C-alpha atoms as a PDB file:
ATOM      1  CA  UNK A   1      -0.011  -0.026   0.000  1.00  0.00           C
ATOM      2  CA  UNK A   2       1.484   3.278  -1.106  1.00  0.00           C
ATOM      3  CA  UNK A   3       0.998   6.140   1.529  1.00  0.00           C
ATOM      4  CA  UNK A   4      -1.405   8.853   0.424  1.00  0.00           C
ATOM      5  CA  UNK A   5      -0.970  12.590   0.810  1.00  0.00           C
ATOM      6  CA  UNK A   6      -3.634  12.507   3.509  1.00  0.00           C
ATOM      7  CA  UNK A   7      -2.050   9.785   5.591  1.00  0.00           C
ATOM      8  CA  UNK A   8       1.392  11.346   5.183  1.00  0.00           C
ATOM      9  CA  UNK A   9       0.101  14.726   6.420  1.00  0.00           C
ATOM     10  CA  UNK A  10      -1.779  13.070   9.298  1.00  0.00           C
ATOM     11  CA  UNK A  11       1.140  10.953  10.576  1.00  0.00           C
ATOM     12  CA  UNK A  12       3.732  13.756  10.122  1.00  0.00           C
ATOM     13  CA  UNK A  13       1.463  16.290  11.853  1.00  0.00           C
ATOM     14  CA  UNK A  14       2.711  17.968  15.021  1.00  0.00           C
ATOM     15  CA  UNK A  15       0.335  17.957  17.931  1.00  0.00           C
ATOM     16  CA  UNK A  16       1.946  21.088  19.268  1.00  0.00           C
ATOM     17  CA  UNK A  17       2.292  23.494  16.295  1.00  0.00           C
ATOM     18  CA  UNK A  18      -0.791  25.529  15.457  1.00  0.00           C
ATOM     19  CA  UNK A  19       0.520  26.460  11.962  1.00  0.00           C
ATOM     20  CA  UNK A  20      -0.234  22.920  10.847  1.00  0.00           C
ATOM     21  CA  UNK A  21      -3.920  22.945  11.308  1.00  0.00           C
ATOM     22  CA  UNK A  22      -5.601  20.417   8.993  1.00  0.00           C
ATOM     23  CA  UNK A  23      -7.415  22.038   6.065  1.00  0.00           C
ATOM     24  CA  UNK A  24     -11.031  21.101   5.155  1.00  0.00           C
ATOM     25  CA  UNK A  25      -9.736  19.500   1.970  1.00  0.00           C
ATOM     26  CA  UNK A  26      -7.297  17.288   3.902  1.00  0.00           C
ATOM     27  CA  UNK A  27      -9.978  16.589   6.531  1.00  0.00           C
ATOM     28  CA  UNK A  28     -12.295  15.312   3.816  1.00  0.00           C
ATOM     29  CA  UNK A  29      -9.635  13.061   2.377  1.00  0.00           C
ATOM     30  CA  UNK A  30      -8.811  11.723   5.884  1.00  0.00           C
ATOM     31  CA  UNK A  31     -12.347  10.817   6.605  1.00  0.00           C
ATOM     32  CA  UNK A  32     -12.494   8.967   3.298  1.00  0.00           C
ATOM     33  CA  UNK A  33      -9.357   7.045   4.162  1.00  0.00           C
ATOM     34  CA  UNK A  34      -9.855   6.420   7.842  1.00  0.00           C
ATOM     35  CA  UNK A  35     -13.581   5.580   8.022  1.00  0.00           C
ATOM     36  CA  UNK A  36     -13.142   2.250   6.060  1.00  0.00           C
ATOM     37  CA  UNK A  37     -10.540   1.308   8.583  1.00  0.00           C
ATOM     38  CA  UNK A  38     -12.801   1.603  11.665  1.00  0.00           C
ATOM     39  CA  UNK A  39     -13.664  -2.181  11.958  1.00  0.00           C
ATOM     40  CA  UNK A  40     -10.017  -3.015  11.992  1.00  0.00           C
ATOM     41  CA  UNK A  41      -9.226  -0.260  14.488  1.00  0.00           C
ATOM     42  CA  UNK A  42     -11.942  -1.486  16.778  1.00  0.00           C
ATOM     43  CA  UNK A  43     -10.469  -4.979  16.582  1.00  0.00           C
ATOM     44  CA  UNK A  44      -7.094  -3.639  17.707  1.00  0.00           C
ATOM     45  CA  UNK A  45      -8.503  -3.017  21.192  1.00  0.00           C
ATOM     46  CA  UNK A  46      -7.850  -0.414  23.779  1.00  0.00           C
ATOM     47  CA  UNK A  47      -4.091   0.070  23.316  1.00  0.00           C
ATOM     48  CA  UNK A  48      -2.413   1.966  26.192  1.00  0.00           C
ATOM     49  CA  UNK A  49      -1.792   5.400  27.485  1.00  0.00           C
ATOM     50  CA  UNK A  50      -3.852   8.229  25.916  1.00  0.00           C
ATOM     51  CA  UNK A  51      -5.403   5.844  23.359  1.00  0.00           C
ATOM     52  CA  UNK A  52      -6.644   3.521  26.091  1.00  0.00           C
ATOM     53  CA  UNK A  53      -7.943   6.364  28.241  1.00  0.00           C
ATOM     54  CA  UNK A  54     -10.000   7.648  25.314  1.00  0.00           C
ATOM     55  CA  UNK A  55     -11.710   4.231  24.723  1.00  0.00           C
ATOM     56  CA  UNK A  56      -9.275   2.571  22.273  1.00  0.00           C
ATOM     57  CA  UNK A  57      -8.145   2.934  18.701  1.00  0.00           C
ATOM     58  CA  UNK A  58     -11.640   2.798  17.173  1.00  0.00           C
ATOM     59  CA  UNK A  59     -13.137   5.324  19.497  1.00  0.00           C
ATOM     60  CA  UNK A  60     -10.150   7.737  18.927  1.00  0.00           C
ATOM     61  CA  UNK A  61     -10.556   7.417  15.263  1.00  0.00           C
ATOM     62  CA  UNK A  62     -14.314   7.946  15.382  1.00  0.00           C
ATOM     63  CA  UNK A  63     -13.752  11.067  17.513  1.00  0.00           C
ATOM     64  CA  UNK A  64     -11.148  12.335  15.010  1.00  0.00           C
ATOM     65  CA  UNK A  65     -13.553  11.727  12.076  1.00  0.00           C
ATOM     66  CA  UNK A  66     -16.297  13.617  13.905  1.00  0.00           C
ATOM     67  CA  UNK A  67     -13.855  16.515  14.483  1.00  0.00           C
ATOM     68  CA  UNK A  68     -13.084  16.514  10.767  1.00  0.00           C
ATOM     69  CA  UNK A  69     -16.755  16.705   9.965  1.00  0.00           C
ATOM     70  CA  UNK A  70     -17.387  19.476  12.424  1.00  0.00           C
ATOM     71  CA  UNK A  71     -14.498  21.560  10.917  1.00  0.00           C
ATOM     72  CA  UNK A  72     -15.801  20.931   7.427  1.00  0.00           C
ATOM     73  CA  UNK A  73     -19.329  22.053   8.324  1.00  0.00           C
ATOM     74  CA  UNK A  74     -17.896  25.181   9.937  1.00  0.00           C
ATOM     75  CA  UNK A  75     -15.625  25.704   6.935  1.00  0.00           C
ATOM     76  CA  UNK A  76     -12.646  26.076   9.344  1.00  0.00           C
ATOM     77  CA  UNK A  77      -9.402  24.238   9.619  1.00  0.00           C
ATOM     78  CA  UNK A  78      -9.270  21.429  12.144  1.00  0.00           C
ATOM     79  CA  UNK A  79      -7.265  22.266  15.172  1.00  0.00           C
ATOM     80  CA  UNK A  80      -5.578  18.993  15.911  1.00  0.00           C
ATOM     81  CA  UNK A  81      -3.543  18.217  19.004  1.00  0.00           C
ATOM     82  CA  UNK A  82      -2.885  19.936  22.174  1.00  0.00           C
ATOM     83  CA  UNK A  83      -3.759  23.643  22.116  1.00  0.00           C
END
């Protein structure tokens, strides 16, 4: 599987730098690429640390997807990470 622009941007994104907010275009692409992975992410279980405290990989991904949708509806970049 060749990495896509959306996944590359997502995985290289800094949680601590505001200048790297995710655009609505990138948020749309991320929804389209992450949503089909939800069943596999739920099967991965709870994980540990922050992932576990947020309900596991599937729940974290679902929350991220909802954040993308909210940003798209507001026509604003997604503020992603710790701000």
